[in-house]
């Protein structure tokens, strides 16, 4: 009866974070969704563009990942580290 419904509602209320946390949780969840969405779209588009480009095929994907993606990621990490050190001062 009503005791079961009240217990069920209490369980749901205990799962919902307090208002102070929701103010941070909702924007963070939205940012997380947008980042994942953009990453997925860009990754799939990159693969399609690499495979269908003239004078290339699927064999260019490992080359791009090794000689373009990896150095770019390492370079970005270095730039980010130097920027964070510069911003602290």
Protein backbone atom coordinates (compact mmCIF):
# COMPACT_ATOMS: atom_id res chain seq x y z
CA UNK A 1 0.00 0.00 0.00
CA UNK A 2 1.08 3.51 0.82
CA UNK A 3 3.93 2.31 3.07
CA UNK A 4 5.56 0.60 0.08
CA UNK A 5 5.21 3.74 -2.06
CA UNK A 6 6.63 5.92 0.72
CA UNK A 7 9.62 3.59 1.09
CA UNK A 8 10.18 3.64 -2.67
CA UNK A 9 10.04 7.46 -2.78
CA UNK A 10 12.45 7.67 0.14
CA UNK A 11 14.90 5.44 -1.75
CA UNK A 12 14.65 7.69 -4.82
CA UNK A 13 15.12 10.83 -2.71
CA UNK A 14 18.22 9.34 -1.11
CA UNK A 15 19.74 8.83 -4.58
CA UNK A 16 19.22 12.47 -5.66
CA UNK A 17 22.14 14.66 -4.58
CA UNK A 18 21.48 17.77 -2.48
CA UNK A 19 20.85 21.12 -4.18
CA UNK A 20 24.37 22.41 -3.51
CA UNK A 21 25.89 19.44 -5.36
CA UNK A 22 23.34 19.59 -8.20
CA UNK A 23 24.51 23.14 -9.01
CA UNK A 24 27.90 21.67 -9.91
CA UNK A 25 26.84 18.22 -11.07
CA UNK A 26 24.45 19.28 -13.85
CA UNK A 27 26.91 21.63 -15.66
CA UNK A 28 29.70 19.06 -15.28
CA UNK A 29 27.49 16.31 -16.70
CA UNK A 30 26.54 18.58 -19.61
CA UNK A 31 30.20 19.38 -20.30
CA UNK A 32 31.07 15.68 -20.13
CA UNK A 33 28.34 14.84 -22.63
CA UNK A 34 29.43 17.61 -25.03
CA UNK A 35 33.09 16.54 -24.86
CA UNK A 36 32.22 12.90 -25.55
CA UNK A 37 29.86 13.87 -28.36
CA UNK A 38 32.44 16.08 -30.08
CA UNK A 39 35.22 13.54 -29.60
CA UNK A 40 33.15 10.77 -31.16
CA UNK A 41 32.01 12.86 -34.13
CA UNK A 42 35.51 14.19 -34.82
CA UNK A 43 37.16 10.76 -34.50
CA UNK A 44 34.70 9.13 -36.89
CA UNK A 45 34.95 12.02 -39.35
CA UNK A 46 38.76 11.91 -39.26
CA UNK A 47 38.78 8.18 -40.06
CA UNK A 48 36.36 8.65 -42.94
CA UNK A 49 38.34 11.57 -44.39
CA UNK A 50 41.63 9.68 -44.13
CA UNK A 51 40.29 6.53 -45.81
CA UNK A 52 38.47 8.34 -48.63
CA UNK A 53 41.18 10.93 -49.36
CA UNK A 54 42.83 10.68 -52.79
CA UNK A 55 45.97 8.47 -52.90
CA UNK A 56 45.30 7.06 -49.42
CA UNK A 57 43.42 4.25 -47.76
CA UNK A 58 42.98 2.51 -44.46
CA UNK A 59 46.77 2.00 -44.20
CA UNK A 60 47.30 5.71 -43.42
CA UNK A 61 45.40 5.55 -40.11
CA UNK A 62 48.23 3.90 -38.07
CA UNK A 63 50.74 6.31 -39.66
CA UNK A 64 48.60 9.33 -38.72
CA UNK A 65 48.10 8.06 -35.17
CA UNK A 66 51.82 7.42 -34.68
CA UNK A 67 53.49 10.34 -36.45
CA UNK A 68 50.83 13.07 -36.15
CA UNK A 69 48.51 12.34 -33.26
CA UNK A 70 51.12 11.22 -30.70
CA UNK A 71 53.58 14.14 -31.23
CA UNK A 72 50.67 16.59 -31.25
CA UNK A 73 49.40 15.18 -27.94
CA UNK A 74 52.87 15.36 -26.39
CA UNK A 75 53.33 18.91 -27.68
CA UNK A 76 49.93 19.97 -26.36
CA UNK A 77 50.79 18.49 -22.96
CA UNK A 78 54.00 20.53 -22.86
CA UNK A 79 52.22 23.73 -23.89
CA UNK A 80 49.50 23.11 -21.31
CA UNK A 81 52.07 22.48 -18.56
CA UNK A 82 53.95 25.67 -19.39
CA UNK A 83 50.72 27.68 -19.52
CA UNK A 84 49.59 26.37 -16.13
CA UNK A 85 53.00 27.23 -14.65
CA UNK A 86 52.80 30.70 -16.17
CA UNK A 87 49.24 31.29 -14.90
CA UNK A 88 50.18 30.33 -11.32
CA UNK A 89 52.61 33.25 -11.05
